[in-house]
Amino acid sequence: MSRVLVLASKEFKSYFNSWLAYVFIACFVTVSMLAHFYWGEFFGTGRADISPFFRSLPLTLLILVPGLTMRQWARESEMGSIELLMTLPAQGWQLVLGKFLGTLGLVAVALLCTAGIPLTAAWLGDLDWGPVLAGYLAALLLGGAYVALGLFASSWFREQFLALIGSAALCSLFGLMSWPKVLGWASNISETAVSVLGFVGFYGRFEAIQRGVIDFRDVAWYLSITALFLFFNVCRLHLRRLA
């Protein structure tokens, strides 16, 4: 496990050795603040309500996380360092988990940088911290799932731009299928389609958790999808080693 932590630390620091980490955090915080204070009309409601901020997170993460994961395996292939990586005295699962934890660490830092939003609400009114903590838990689970999906998609491409498109497409598949509008369209097909999309998609489960309704099945679903695609990533890495 110590080797995984070393790899994760290396990946995490590599983001800050370039402009990517700073741009990601700046965009994440800016969009979150606009969604909460401007689009959510926080000061006009007269209530300590931060639900607009949490409602914006699924789309914010969906747009920004693929920009992080695209550089992982695809960049290694583009620079020709993937062969060197394969010769390291580390197992495939250690490489994958190291990249996953390093990227998720950056997502966690970005979420931490939005702490001023609930703190401002608490300063101006009586804020219920239960849903706030639940909302951050939901965001971290969703972010982890997107990172796992993005890493898996990146492992199939040798160019970062194609990896970005692949990551965004795969994340959108899971992220958007249970949005209200999509479920509305699915209802014109059949109730079975609505049930399947609602079960598989991320949005409905995120909404439930961020309201403070923490159902073990929702948490387990996020963790299962994350673990499944990390496993797929390990299998993909193994195939590349055999090639």
Protein backbone atom coordinates (compact mmCIF):
# COMPACT_ATOMS: atom_id res chain seq x y z
CA MET A 1 0.00 0.00 0.00
CA SER A 2 2.95 2.32 0.61
CA ARG A 3 3.84 2.05 -3.08
CA VAL A 4 0.31 3.14 -3.99
CA LEU A 5 0.60 6.19 -1.74
CA VAL A 6 3.97 7.09 -3.28
CA LEU A 7 2.47 6.87 -6.78
CA ALA A 8 -0.60 8.85 -5.69
CA SER A 9 1.59 11.57 -4.20
CA LYS A 10 3.62 11.73 -7.42
CA GLU A 11 0.48 12.08 -9.53
CA PHE A 12 -1.01 14.68 -7.21
CA LYS A 13 2.16 16.80 -7.25
CA SER A 14 2.47 16.48 -11.03
CA TYR A 15 -0.79 18.38 -11.44
CA PHE A 16 0.67 21.31 -9.54
CA ASN A 17 3.89 21.21 -11.58
CA SER A 18 1.83 22.54 -14.48
CA TRP A 19 -0.99 25.02 -14.90
CA LEU A 20 -3.65 22.30 -14.97
CA ALA A 21 -4.33 22.08 -11.23
CA TYR A 22 -4.63 25.84 -10.83
CA VAL A 23 -6.93 26.22 -13.84
CA PHE A 24 -9.08 23.31 -12.66
CA ILE A 25 -9.46 24.72 -9.14
CA ALA A 26 -10.07 28.27 -10.42
CA CYS A 27 -12.76 27.10 -12.88
CA PHE A 28 -14.36 24.84 -10.30
CA VAL A 29 -14.59 27.55 -7.64
CA THR A 30 -15.71 30.23 -10.12
CA VAL A 31 -18.54 28.12 -11.56
CA SER A 32 -19.61 27.04 -8.07
CA MET A 33 -19.74 30.61 -6.80
CA LEU A 34 -21.64 31.83 -9.87
CA ALA A 35 -24.13 28.99 -9.52
CA HIS A 36 -24.70 29.79 -5.87
CA PHE A 37 -24.50 33.55 -5.51
CA TYR A 38 -25.60 34.71 -8.97
CA TRP A 39 -27.73 32.08 -10.70
CA GLY A 40 -29.06 30.80 -7.39
CA GLU A 41 -29.88 34.36 -6.22
CA PHE A 42 -28.53 33.59 -2.76
CA PHE A 43 -28.79 37.13 -1.44
CA GLY A 44 -32.27 37.60 -2.88
CA THR A 45 -33.83 34.62 -1.12
CA GLY A 46 -33.03 35.81 2.40
CA ARG A 47 -32.43 32.20 3.50
CA ALA A 48 -29.33 30.22 4.40
CA ASP A 49 -29.91 27.88 1.47
CA ILE A 50 -26.96 26.43 -0.43
CA SER A 51 -28.90 23.92 -2.52
CA PRO A 52 -28.13 25.84 -5.78
CA PHE A 53 -24.44 25.18 -5.17
CA PHE A 54 -24.92 21.46 -4.71
CA ARG A 55 -27.33 21.24 -7.66
CA SER A 56 -24.60 22.68 -9.88
CA LEU A 57 -21.93 20.16 -8.83
CA PRO A 58 -22.97 17.17 -11.01
CA LEU A 59 -22.66 19.24 -14.19
CA THR A 60 -19.53 21.05 -12.98
CA LEU A 61 -17.78 17.77 -12.20
CA LEU A 62 -19.00 16.23 -15.45
CA ILE A 63 -17.45 19.05 -17.48
CA LEU A 64 -14.18 19.48 -15.60
CA VAL A 65 -13.08 16.02 -14.42
CA PRO A 66 -12.47 14.62 -17.95
CA GLY A 67 -9.96 17.43 -18.38
CA LEU A 68 -7.95 15.90 -15.55
CA THR A 69 -8.20 12.26 -16.52
CA MET A 70 -7.42 12.78 -20.21
CA ARG A 71 -3.75 13.38 -19.41
CA GLN A 72 -3.17 10.21 -17.45
CA TRP A 73 -2.70 7.15 -19.66
CA ALA A 74 -3.10 9.03 -22.96
CA ARG A 75 -0.32 11.44 -22.04
CA GLU A 76 1.94 8.55 -21.08
CA SER A 77 1.31 7.02 -24.51
CA GLU A 78 1.72 10.34 -26.32
CA MET A 79 5.09 10.99 -24.68
CA GLY A 80 6.27 7.41 -25.09
CA SER A 81 6.68 6.91 -21.35
CA ILE A 82 4.02 4.22 -21.08
CA GLU A 83 6.63 1.54 -21.89
CA LEU A 84 8.85 2.81 -19.08
CA LEU A 85 5.86 2.83 -16.74
CA MET A 86 5.19 -0.80 -17.57
CA THR A 87 8.69 -1.76 -16.44
CA LEU A 88 8.32 -0.26 -12.97
CA PRO A 89 8.37 -2.72 -10.06
CA ALA A 90 4.70 -2.09 -9.43
CA GLN A 91 1.65 -4.17 -10.18
CA GLY A 92 -1.07 -2.92 -12.49
CA TRP A 93 -3.56 -2.32 -9.70
CA GLN A 94 -0.98 -0.20 -7.86
CA LEU A 95 -0.42 2.02 -10.91
CA VAL A 96 -4.15 2.43 -11.47
CA LEU A 97 -4.96 3.09 -7.83
CA GLY A 98 -2.09 5.57 -7.57
CA LYS A 99 -3.37 7.60 -10.51
CA PHE A 100 -6.92 7.38 -9.17
CA LEU A 101 -6.06 8.61 -5.67
CA GLY A 102 -3.79 11.36 -7.01
CA THR A 103 -6.55 12.70 -9.27
CA LEU A 104 -9.27 12.29 -6.65
CA GLY A 105 -7.04 14.23 -4.25
CA LEU A 106 -7.13 17.21 -6.60
CA VAL A 107 -10.93 16.97 -6.85
CA ALA A 108 -11.07 16.94 -3.04
CA VAL A 109 -8.89 20.06 -2.88
CA ALA A 110 -11.22 21.83 -5.32
CA LEU A 111 -14.22 20.88 -3.18
CA LEU A 112 -12.41 22.13 -0.08
CA CYS A 113 -11.83 25.47 -1.80
CA THR A 114 -15.61 25.95 -2.00
CA ALA A 115 -15.95 25.83 1.79
CA GLY A 116 -16.49 29.59 1.78
CA ILE A 117 -19.97 29.05 0.32
CA PRO A 118 -21.49 27.18 3.29
CA LEU A 119 -19.47 29.30 5.72
CA THR A 120 -20.99 32.45 4.21
CA ALA A 121 -24.47 30.94 4.48
CA ALA A 122 -23.83 29.98 8.11
CA TRP A 123 -22.63 33.51 8.87
CA LEU A 124 -25.77 35.06 7.38
CA GLY A 125 -28.31 32.62 8.80
CA ASP A 126 -29.04 29.38 10.59
CA LEU A 127 -27.52 26.70 8.37
CA ASP A 128 -28.31 23.01 8.78
CA TRP A 129 -24.89 21.36 8.50
CA GLY A 130 -26.28 17.84 8.02
CA PRO A 131 -27.25 18.28 4.36
CA VAL A 132 -24.05 20.28 3.77
CA LEU A 133 -21.82 17.41 4.89
CA ALA A 134 -24.01 14.95 3.00
CA GLY A 135 -23.70 17.12 -0.10
CA TYR A 136 -19.92 17.10 0.06
CA LEU A 137 -19.98 13.33 0.55
CA ALA A 138 -22.16 13.00 -2.55
CA ALA A 139 -19.81 15.25 -4.52
CA LEU A 140 -16.76 13.22 -3.49
CA LEU A 141 -18.47 9.94 -4.41
CA LEU A 142 -19.57 11.36 -7.75
CA GLY A 143 -16.12 12.82 -8.40
CA GLY A 144 -14.51 9.46 -7.63
CA ALA A 145 -16.82 7.68 -10.05
CA TYR A 146 -16.06 10.21 -12.80
CA VAL A 147 -12.31 9.85 -12.18
CA ALA A 148 -12.54 6.05 -12.48
CA LEU A 149 -14.58 6.33 -15.69
CA GLY A 150 -12.21 8.92 -17.13
CA LEU A 151 -9.08 6.90 -16.33
CA PHE A 152 -10.55 3.84 -18.02
CA ALA A 153 -11.45 5.86 -21.12
CA SER A 154 -8.00 7.47 -21.21
CA SER A 155 -6.33 4.05 -21.26
CA TRP A 156 -7.76 3.37 -24.71
CA PHE A 157 -6.29 6.41 -26.46
CA ARG A 158 -2.84 7.63 -27.43
CA GLU A 159 -3.82 11.29 -27.85
CA GLN A 160 -5.06 13.51 -25.04
CA PHE A 161 -7.75 15.19 -27.13
CA LEU A 162 -9.31 11.87 -28.06
CA ALA A 163 -9.02 10.79 -24.43
CA LEU A 164 -10.89 13.94 -23.42
CA ILE A 165 -13.72 13.14 -25.81
CA GLY A 166 -13.83 9.51 -24.69
CA SER A 167 -13.79 10.43 -21.00
CA ALA A 168 -16.49 13.07 -21.45
CA ALA A 169 -18.68 10.65 -23.42
CA LEU A 170 -18.40 7.86 -20.84
CA CYS A 171 -18.99 10.21 -17.91
CA SER A 172 -21.96 11.79 -19.70
CA LEU A 173 -23.47 8.36 -20.29
CA PHE A 174 -23.68 7.68 -16.56
CA GLY A 175 -24.05 11.28 -15.45
CA LEU A 176 -26.93 12.39 -17.66
CA MET A 177 -29.11 9.30 -18.05
CA SER A 178 -31.07 9.96 -14.84
CA TRP A 179 -31.51 13.72 -15.29
CA PRO A 180 -35.18 14.78 -15.09
CA LYS A 181 -35.38 15.75 -18.78
CA VAL A 182 -33.87 12.44 -19.88
CA LEU A 183 -36.29 10.53 -17.65
CA GLY A 184 -39.10 12.61 -19.12
CA TRP A 185 -38.12 11.53 -22.63
CA ALA A 186 -37.75 7.93 -21.45
CA SER A 187 -41.28 8.00 -20.02
CA ASN A 188 -42.55 8.33 -23.59
CA ILE A 189 -40.96 4.95 -24.31
CA SER A 190 -41.85 2.88 -21.25
CA GLU A 191 -41.79 2.89 -17.48
CA THR A 192 -39.17 0.16 -17.63
CA ALA A 193 -36.81 2.53 -19.42
CA VAL A 194 -37.37 5.13 -16.71
CA SER A 195 -36.65 2.58 -13.99
CA VAL A 196 -33.45 1.36 -15.66
CA LEU A 197 -32.10 4.85 -16.32
CA GLY A 198 -33.00 5.98 -12.82
CA PHE A 199 -31.23 2.98 -11.32
CA VAL A 200 -28.04 3.19 -13.39
CA GLY A 201 -27.66 6.97 -13.61
CA PHE A 202 -25.73 9.06 -11.10
CA TYR A 203 -27.92 12.16 -10.83
CA GLY A 204 -30.86 10.76 -8.88
CA ARG A 205 -28.58 9.13 -6.33
CA PHE A 206 -26.58 12.34 -5.96
CA GLU A 207 -29.76 14.33 -5.36
CA ALA A 208 -30.91 11.91 -2.67
CA ILE A 209 -27.61 12.00 -0.77
CA GLN A 210 -27.14 15.77 -0.97
CA ARG A 211 -30.59 16.27 0.56
CA GLY A 212 -29.31 14.38 3.59
CA VAL A 213 -30.99 11.08 2.74
CA ILE A 214 -27.93 8.83 2.89
CA ASP A 215 -29.04 5.42 1.66
CA PHE A 216 -26.37 2.71 1.82
CA ARG A 217 -27.52 1.47 -1.59
CA ASP A 218 -26.70 4.82 -3.21
CA VAL A 219 -23.26 4.95 -1.59
CA ALA A 220 -22.63 1.31 -2.53
CA TRP A 221 -23.62 2.01 -6.15
CA TYR A 222 -21.07 4.81 -6.49
CA LEU A 223 -18.36 2.70 -4.87
CA SER A 224 -19.27 -0.30 -7.03
CA ILE A 225 -19.07 1.67 -10.29
CA THR A 226 -15.77 3.19 -9.18
CA ALA A 227 -14.29 -0.19 -8.25
CA LEU A 228 -15.62 -1.84 -11.42
CA PHE A 229 -14.02 0.67 -13.79
CA LEU A 230 -10.77 0.68 -11.84
CA PHE A 231 -10.77 -3.10 -12.30
CA PHE A 232 -11.46 -2.65 -16.03
CA ASN A 233 -8.53 -0.21 -16.11
CA VAL A 234 -6.24 -2.81 -14.51
CA CYS A 235 -7.37 -5.38 -17.09
CA ARG A 236 -6.69 -2.91 -19.89
CA LEU A 237 -3.21 -2.25 -18.50
CA HIS A 238 -2.56 -5.98 -18.33
CA LEU A 239 -3.52 -6.35 -21.99
CA ARG A 240 -1.10 -3.58 -22.94
CA ARG A 241 1.68 -5.33 -21.06
CA LEU A 242 0.98 -8.53 -22.99
CA ALA A 243 0.88 -6.72 -26.34
